[in-house]
Amino acid sequence: MSDGLLKMWIALGAIGLMFFAVISITWSRTKLNGIFKFIVTLFAYVCMVTAGILILLVVFSGPVPGMIIN
């Protein structure tokens, strides 16, 4: 697997984590109470922070070697 393809899959996974975090936060605020609300919210924020770190790594790792820019 090439470096560019690997970066694409990592970025796609991070986007999926962000989507899951948004859905989880919305669900916990509208449907859950008590300790379950706290657990789901905490897990969602962990997913969001992980996704943000992954996106930063992909963006700041620079272009893939051998990439042709016209």
PDB file of N, CA and C in Angstrom:
ATOM      1  N   MET A   1       0.842  -1.167   0.000  1.00  0.00           N
ATOM      2  CA  MET A   1       0.000   0.000   0.000  1.00  0.00           C
ATOM      3  C   MET A   1       0.893   1.237   0.000  1.00  0.00           C
ATOM      4  N   SER A   2       0.550   2.178  -0.858  1.00  0.00           N
ATOM      5  CA  SER A   2       1.380   3.378  -0.971  1.00  0.00           C
ATOM      6  C   SER A   2       1.118   4.326   0.203  1.00  0.00           C
ATOM      7  N   ASP A   3       2.039   5.267   0.378  1.00  0.00           N
ATOM      8  CA  ASP A   3       1.905   6.234   1.470  1.00  0.00           C
ATOM      9  C   ASP A   3       0.666   7.100   1.304  1.00  0.00           C
ATOM     10  N   GLY A   4       0.380   7.489   0.087  1.00  0.00           N
ATOM     11  CA  GLY A   4      -0.791   8.323  -0.165  1.00  0.00           C
ATOM     12  C   GLY A   4      -2.091   7.601   0.167  1.00  0.00           C
ATOM     13  N   LEU A   5      -2.162   6.324  -0.198  1.00  0.00           N
ATOM     14  CA  LEU A   5      -3.360   5.540   0.099  1.00  0.00           C
ATOM     15  C   LEU A   5      -3.519   5.327   1.599  1.00  0.00           C
ATOM     16  N   LEU A   6      -2.416   5.109   2.295  1.00  0.00           N
ATOM     17  CA  LEU A   6      -2.471   4.947   3.741  1.00  0.00           C
ATOM     18  C   LEU A   6      -2.958   6.222   4.425  1.00  0.00           C
ATOM     19  N   LYS A   7      -2.467   7.374   3.954  1.00  0.00           N
ATOM     20  CA  LYS A   7      -2.932   8.648   4.498  1.00  0.00           C
ATOM     21  C   LYS A   7      -4.423   8.838   4.252  1.00  0.00           C
ATOM     22  N   MET A   8      -4.888   8.423   3.078  1.00  0.00           N
ATOM     23  CA  MET A   8      -6.301   8.551   2.762  1.00  0.00           C
ATOM     24  C   MET A   8      -7.152   7.729   3.724  1.00  0.00           C
ATOM     25  N   TRP A   9      -6.741   6.498   4.011  1.00  0.00           N
ATOM     26  CA  TRP A   9      -7.508   5.634   4.902  1.00  0.00           C
ATOM     27  C   TRP A   9      -7.498   6.157   6.335  1.00  0.00           C
ATOM     28  N   ILE A  10      -6.372   6.710   6.769  1.00  0.00           N
ATOM     29  CA  ILE A  10      -6.294   7.290   8.109  1.00  0.00           C
ATOM     30  C   ILE A  10      -7.220   8.495   8.210  1.00  0.00           C
ATOM     31  N   ALA A  11      -7.214   9.356   7.199  1.00  0.00           N
ATOM     32  CA  ALA A  11      -8.086  10.527   7.195  1.00  0.00           C
ATOM     33  C   ALA A  11      -9.560  10.109   7.145  1.00  0.00           C
ATOM     34  N   LEU A  12      -9.877   9.091   6.373  1.00  0.00           N
ATOM     35  CA  LEU A  12     -11.253   8.608   6.299  1.00  0.00           C
ATOM     36  C   LEU A  12     -11.702   8.026   7.645  1.00  0.00           C
ATOM     37  N   GLY A  13     -10.819   7.310   8.303  1.00  0.00           N
ATOM     38  CA  GLY A  13     -11.134   6.800   9.638  1.00  0.00           C
ATOM     39  C   GLY A  13     -11.363   7.924  10.636  1.00  0.00           C
ATOM     40  N   ALA A  14     -10.570   8.982  10.549  1.00  0.00           N
ATOM     41  CA  ALA A  14     -10.738  10.131  11.434  1.00  0.00           C
ATOM     42  C   ALA A  14     -12.070  10.831  11.175  1.00  0.00           C
ATOM     43  N   ILE A  15     -12.458  10.945   9.923  1.00  0.00           N
ATOM     44  CA  ILE A  15     -13.755  11.540   9.593  1.00  0.00           C
ATOM     45  C   ILE A  15     -14.882  10.680  10.152  1.00  0.00           C
ATOM     46  N   GLY A  16     -14.727   9.362  10.073  1.00  0.00           N
ATOM     47  CA  GLY A  16     -15.718   8.454  10.649  1.00  0.00           C
ATOM     48  C   GLY A  16     -15.814   8.611  12.158  1.00  0.00           C
ATOM     49  N   LEU A  17     -14.672   8.775  12.826  1.00  0.00           N
ATOM     50  CA  LEU A  17     -14.674   9.009  14.273  1.00  0.00           C
ATOM     51  C   LEU A  17     -15.386  10.313  14.624  1.00  0.00           C
ATOM     52  N   MET A  18     -15.163  11.344  13.814  1.00  0.00           N
ATOM     53  CA  MET A  18     -15.846  12.613  14.059  1.00  0.00           C
ATOM     54  C   MET A  18     -17.352  12.472  13.895  1.00  0.00           C
ATOM     55  N   PHE A  19     -17.775  11.763  12.866  1.00  0.00           N
ATOM     56  CA  PHE A  19     -19.200  11.539  12.647  1.00  0.00           C
ATOM     57  C   PHE A  19     -19.806  10.773  13.822  1.00  0.00           C
ATOM     58  N   PHE A  20     -19.137   9.718  14.276  1.00  0.00           N
ATOM     59  CA  PHE A  20     -19.604   8.933  15.410  1.00  0.00           C
ATOM     60  C   PHE A  20     -19.682   9.781  16.675  1.00  0.00           C
ATOM     61  N   ALA A  21     -18.718  10.670  16.866  1.00  0.00           N
ATOM     62  CA  ALA A  21     -18.710  11.532  18.047  1.00  0.00           C
ATOM     63  C   ALA A  21     -19.893  12.502  18.029  1.00  0.00           C
ATOM     64  N   VAL A  22     -20.179  13.083  16.883  1.00  0.00           N
ATOM     65  CA  VAL A  22     -21.295  14.026  16.792  1.00  0.00           C
ATOM     66  C   VAL A  22     -22.623  13.321  17.052  1.00  0.00           C
ATOM     67  N   ILE A  23     -22.807  12.148  16.456  1.00  0.00           N
ATOM     68  CA  ILE A  23     -24.039  11.388  16.670  1.00  0.00           C
ATOM     69  C   ILE A  23     -24.153  10.973  18.144  1.00  0.00           C
ATOM     70  N   SER A  24     -23.070  10.549  18.757  1.00  0.00           N
ATOM     71  CA  SER A  24     -23.094  10.133  20.158  1.00  0.00           C
ATOM     72  C   SER A  24     -23.410  11.287  21.097  1.00  0.00           C
ATOM     73  N   ILE A  25     -22.828  12.447  20.853  1.00  0.00           N
ATOM     74  CA  ILE A  25     -23.100  13.613  21.690  1.00  0.00           C
ATOM     75  C   ILE A  25     -24.567  14.012  21.567  1.00  0.00           C
ATOM     76  N   THR A  26     -25.075  14.049  20.343  1.00  0.00           N
ATOM     77  CA  THR A  26     -26.480  14.404  20.138  1.00  0.00           C
ATOM     78  C   THR A  26     -27.401  13.408  20.833  1.00  0.00           C
ATOM     79  N   TRP A  27     -27.111  12.142  20.696  1.00  0.00           N
ATOM     80  CA  TRP A  27     -27.934  11.089  21.308  1.00  0.00           C
ATOM     81  C   TRP A  27     -27.881  11.178  22.830  1.00  0.00           C
ATOM     82  N   SER A  28     -26.694  11.396  23.386  1.00  0.00           N
ATOM     83  CA  SER A  28     -26.578  11.434  24.846  1.00  0.00           C
ATOM     84  C   SER A  28     -27.288  12.652  25.434  1.00  0.00           C
ATOM     85  N   ARG A  29     -27.280  13.762  24.734  1.00  0.00           N
ATOM     86  CA  ARG A  29     -27.926  14.969  25.259  1.00  0.00           C
ATOM     87  C   ARG A  29     -29.443  14.899  25.173  1.00  0.00           C
ATOM     88  N   THR A  30     -29.965  14.144  24.217  1.00  0.00           N
ATOM     89  CA  THR A  30     -31.419  14.105  24.051  1.00  0.00           C
ATOM     90  C   THR A  30     -32.071  12.890  24.688  1.00  0.00           C
ATOM     91  N   LYS A  31     -31.410  11.746  24.749  1.00  0.00           N
ATOM     92  CA  LYS A  31     -32.057  10.507  25.155  1.00  0.00           C
ATOM     93  C   LYS A  31     -31.570   9.903  26.467  1.00  0.00           C
ATOM     94  N   LEU A  32     -30.366  10.243  26.908  1.00  0.00           N
ATOM     95  CA  LEU A  32     -29.786   9.559  28.066  1.00  0.00           C
ATOM     96  C   LEU A  32     -29.777  10.449  29.304  1.00  0.00           C
ATOM     97  N   ASN A  33     -29.715   9.792  30.452  1.00  0.00           N
ATOM     98  CA  ASN A  33     -29.625  10.486  31.739  1.00  0.00           C
ATOM     99  C   ASN A  33     -28.593   9.797  32.622  1.00  0.00           C
ATOM    100  N   GLY A  34     -28.092  10.536  33.604  1.00  0.00           N
ATOM    101  CA  GLY A  34     -27.239   9.952  34.623  1.00  0.00           C
ATOM    102  C   GLY A  34     -25.874   9.511  34.131  1.00  0.00           C
ATOM    103  N   ILE A  35     -25.437   8.366  34.639  1.00  0.00           N
ATOM    104  CA  ILE A  35     -24.085   7.865  34.376  1.00  0.00           C
ATOM    105  C   ILE A  35     -23.911   7.446  32.920  1.00  0.00           C
ATOM    106  N   PHE A  36     -24.992   6.958  32.282  1.00  0.00           N
ATOM    107  CA  PHE A  36     -24.883   6.569  30.878  1.00  0.00           C
ATOM    108  C   PHE A  36     -24.602   7.777  29.996  1.00  0.00           C
ATOM    109  N   LYS A  37     -25.213   8.906  30.331  1.00  0.00           N
ATOM    110  CA  LYS A  37     -24.964  10.140  29.593  1.00  0.00           C
ATOM    111  C   LYS A  37     -23.499  10.543  29.704  1.00  0.00           C
ATOM    112  N   PHE A  38     -22.954  10.447  30.915  1.00  0.00           N
ATOM    113  CA  PHE A  38     -21.554  10.806  31.140  1.00  0.00           C
ATOM    114  C   PHE A  38     -20.619   9.875  30.370  1.00  0.00           C
ATOM    115  N   ILE A  39     -20.880   8.580  30.403  1.00  0.00           N
ATOM    116  CA  ILE A  39     -20.007   7.607  29.736  1.00  0.00           C
ATOM    117  C   ILE A  39     -20.016   7.809  28.223  1.00  0.00           C
ATOM    118  N   VAL A  40     -21.206   7.960  27.642  1.00  0.00           N
ATOM    119  CA  VAL A  40     -21.298   8.150  26.189  1.00  0.00           C
ATOM    120  C   VAL A  40     -20.660   9.472  25.779  1.00  0.00           C
ATOM    121  N   THR A  41     -20.886  10.519  26.564  1.00  0.00           N
ATOM    122  CA  THR A  41     -20.283  11.819  26.257  1.00  0.00           C
ATOM    123  C   THR A  41     -18.763  11.764  26.357  1.00  0.00           C
ATOM    124  N   LEU A  42     -18.248  11.126  27.383  1.00  0.00           N
ATOM    125  CA  LEU A  42     -16.804  10.994  27.539  1.00  0.00           C
ATOM    126  C   LEU A  42     -16.193  10.217  26.372  1.00  0.00           C
ATOM    127  N   PHE A  43     -16.826   9.114  25.989  1.00  0.00           N
ATOM    128  CA  PHE A  43     -16.340   8.321  24.855  1.00  0.00           C
ATOM    129  C   PHE A  43     -16.377   9.130  23.566  1.00  0.00           C
ATOM    130  N   ALA A  44     -17.424   9.936  23.384  1.00  0.00           N
ATOM    131  CA  ALA A  44     -17.532  10.758  22.177  1.00  0.00           C
ATOM    132  C   ALA A  44     -16.425  11.813  22.124  1.00  0.00           C
ATOM    133  N   TYR A  45     -16.136  12.428  23.257  1.00  0.00           N
ATOM    134  CA  TYR A  45     -15.062  13.423  23.261  1.00  0.00           C
ATOM    135  C   TYR A  45     -13.686  12.785  23.046  1.00  0.00           C
ATOM    136  N   VAL A  46     -13.484  11.592  23.551  1.00  0.00           N
ATOM    137  CA  VAL A  46     -12.226  10.876  23.284  1.00  0.00           C
ATOM    138  C   VAL A  46     -12.105  10.586  21.785  1.00  0.00           C
ATOM    139  N   CYS A  47     -13.206  10.171  21.163  1.00  0.00           N
ATOM    140  CA  CYS A  47     -13.195   9.936  19.709  1.00  0.00           C
ATOM    141  C   CYS A  47     -12.879  11.215  18.947  1.00  0.00           C
ATOM    142  N   MET A  48     -13.458  12.339  19.382  1.00  0.00           N
ATOM    143  CA  MET A  48     -13.235  13.613  18.696  1.00  0.00           C
ATOM    144  C   MET A  48     -11.781  14.066  18.823  1.00  0.00           C
ATOM    145  N   VAL A  49     -11.200  13.929  20.002  1.00  0.00           N
ATOM    146  CA  VAL A  49      -9.797  14.326  20.193  1.00  0.00           C
ATOM    147  C   VAL A  49      -8.873  13.417  19.380  1.00  0.00           C
ATOM    148  N   THR A  50      -9.145  12.122  19.370  1.00  0.00           N
ATOM    149  CA  THR A  50      -8.344  11.186  18.579  1.00  0.00           C
ATOM    150  C   THR A  50      -8.427  11.524  17.097  1.00  0.00           C
ATOM    151  N   ALA A  51      -9.626  11.819  16.615  1.00  0.00           N
ATOM    152  CA  ALA A  51      -9.799  12.189  15.206  1.00  0.00           C
ATOM    153  C   ALA A  51      -9.042  13.472  14.883  1.00  0.00           C
ATOM    154  N   GLY A  52      -9.090  14.438  15.776  1.00  0.00           N
ATOM    155  CA  GLY A  52      -8.364  15.687  15.543  1.00  0.00           C
ATOM    156  C   GLY A  52      -6.864  15.482  15.466  1.00  0.00           C
ATOM    157  N   ILE A  53      -6.328  14.638  16.328  1.00  0.00           N
ATOM    158  CA  ILE A  53      -4.894  14.343  16.301  1.00  0.00           C
ATOM    159  C   ILE A  53      -4.525  13.629  15.003  1.00  0.00           C
ATOM    160  N   LEU A  54      -5.349  12.668  14.586  1.00  0.00           N
ATOM    161  CA  LEU A  54      -5.071  11.960  13.333  1.00  0.00           C
ATOM    162  C   LEU A  54      -5.093  12.897  12.135  1.00  0.00           C
ATOM    163  N   ILE A  55      -6.067  13.789  12.083  1.00  0.00           N
ATOM    164  CA  ILE A  55      -6.141  14.737  10.971  1.00  0.00           C
ATOM    165  C   ILE A  55      -4.931  15.671  10.979  1.00  0.00           C
ATOM    166  N   LEU A  56      -4.528  16.144  12.155  1.00  0.00           N
ATOM    167  CA  LEU A  56      -3.336  16.994  12.225  1.00  0.00           C
ATOM    168  C   LEU A  56      -2.092  16.259  11.735  1.00  0.00           C
ATOM    169  N   LEU A  57      -1.955  14.985  12.104  1.00  0.00           N
ATOM    170  CA  LEU A  57      -0.804  14.210  11.636  1.00  0.00           C
ATOM    171  C   LEU A  57      -0.809  14.048  10.122  1.00  0.00           C
ATOM    172  N   VAL A  58      -1.974  13.799   9.558  1.00  0.00           N
ATOM    173  CA  VAL A  58      -2.065  13.638   8.104  1.00  0.00           C
ATOM    174  C   VAL A  58      -1.757  14.955   7.400  1.00  0.00           C
ATOM    175  N   VAL A  59      -2.321  16.045   7.894  1.00  0.00           N
ATOM    176  CA  VAL A  59      -2.134  17.344   7.232  1.00  0.00           C
ATOM    177  C   VAL A  59      -0.688  17.825   7.334  1.00  0.00           C
ATOM    178  N   PHE A  60      -0.103  17.704   8.518  1.00  0.00           N
ATOM    179  CA  PHE A  60       1.242  18.239   8.704  1.00  0.00           C
ATOM    180  C   PHE A  60       2.359  17.268   8.324  1.00  0.00           C
ATOM    181  N   SER A  61       2.025  16.078   7.857  1.00  0.00           N
ATOM    182  CA  SER A  61       3.068  15.165   7.403  1.00  0.00           C
ATOM    183  C   SER A  61       3.570  15.529   6.011  1.00  0.00           C
ATOM    184  N   GLY A  62       2.879  16.421   5.341  1.00  0.00           N
ATOM    185  CA  GLY A  62       3.332  16.917   4.055  1.00  0.00           C
ATOM    186  C   GLY A  62       2.908  16.046   2.901  1.00  0.00           C
ATOM    187  N   PRO A  63       3.294  16.459   1.706  1.00  0.00           N
ATOM    188  CA  PRO A  63       2.911  15.693   0.526  1.00  0.00           C
ATOM    189  C   PRO A  63       3.658  14.358   0.450  1.00  0.00           C
ATOM    190  N   VAL A  64       3.088  13.472  -0.295  1.00  0.00           N
ATOM    191  CA  VAL A  64       3.695  12.156  -0.491  1.00  0.00           C
ATOM    192  C   VAL A  64       4.871  12.295  -1.449  1.00  0.00           C
ATOM    193  N   PRO A  65       6.024  11.681  -1.163  1.00  0.00           N
ATOM    194  CA  PRO A  65       7.161  11.755  -2.081  1.00  0.00           C
ATOM    195  C   PRO A  65       6.799  11.185  -3.451  1.00  0.00           C
ATOM    196  N   GLY A  66       7.230  11.859  -4.479  1.00  0.00           N
ATOM    197  CA  GLY A  66       6.953  11.402  -5.838  1.00  0.00           C
ATOM    198  C   GLY A  66       5.650  11.924  -6.391  1.00  0.00           C
ATOM    199  N   MET A  67       4.960  12.754  -5.610  1.00  0.00           N
ATOM    200  CA  MET A  67       3.689  13.310  -6.065  1.00  0.00           C
ATOM    201  C   MET A  67       3.972  14.401  -7.081  1.00  0.00           C
ATOM    202  N   ILE A  68       3.299  14.336  -8.209  1.00  0.00           N
ATOM    203  CA  ILE A  68       3.510  15.311  -9.286  1.00  0.00           C
ATOM    204  C   ILE A  68       2.493  16.426  -9.139  1.00  0.00           C
ATOM    205  N   ILE A  69       2.990  17.660  -9.027  1.00  0.00           N
ATOM    206  CA  ILE A  69       2.125  18.836  -8.922  1.00  0.00           C
ATOM    207  C   ILE A  69       2.305  19.652 -10.185  1.00  0.00           C
ATOM    208  N   ASN A  70       1.220  19.876 -10.885  1.00  0.00           N
ATOM    209  CA  ASN A  70       1.271  20.659 -12.134  1.00  0.00           C
ATOM    210  C   ASN A  70       0.964  22.097 -11.872  1.00  0.00           C
TER     211      ASN A  70
END
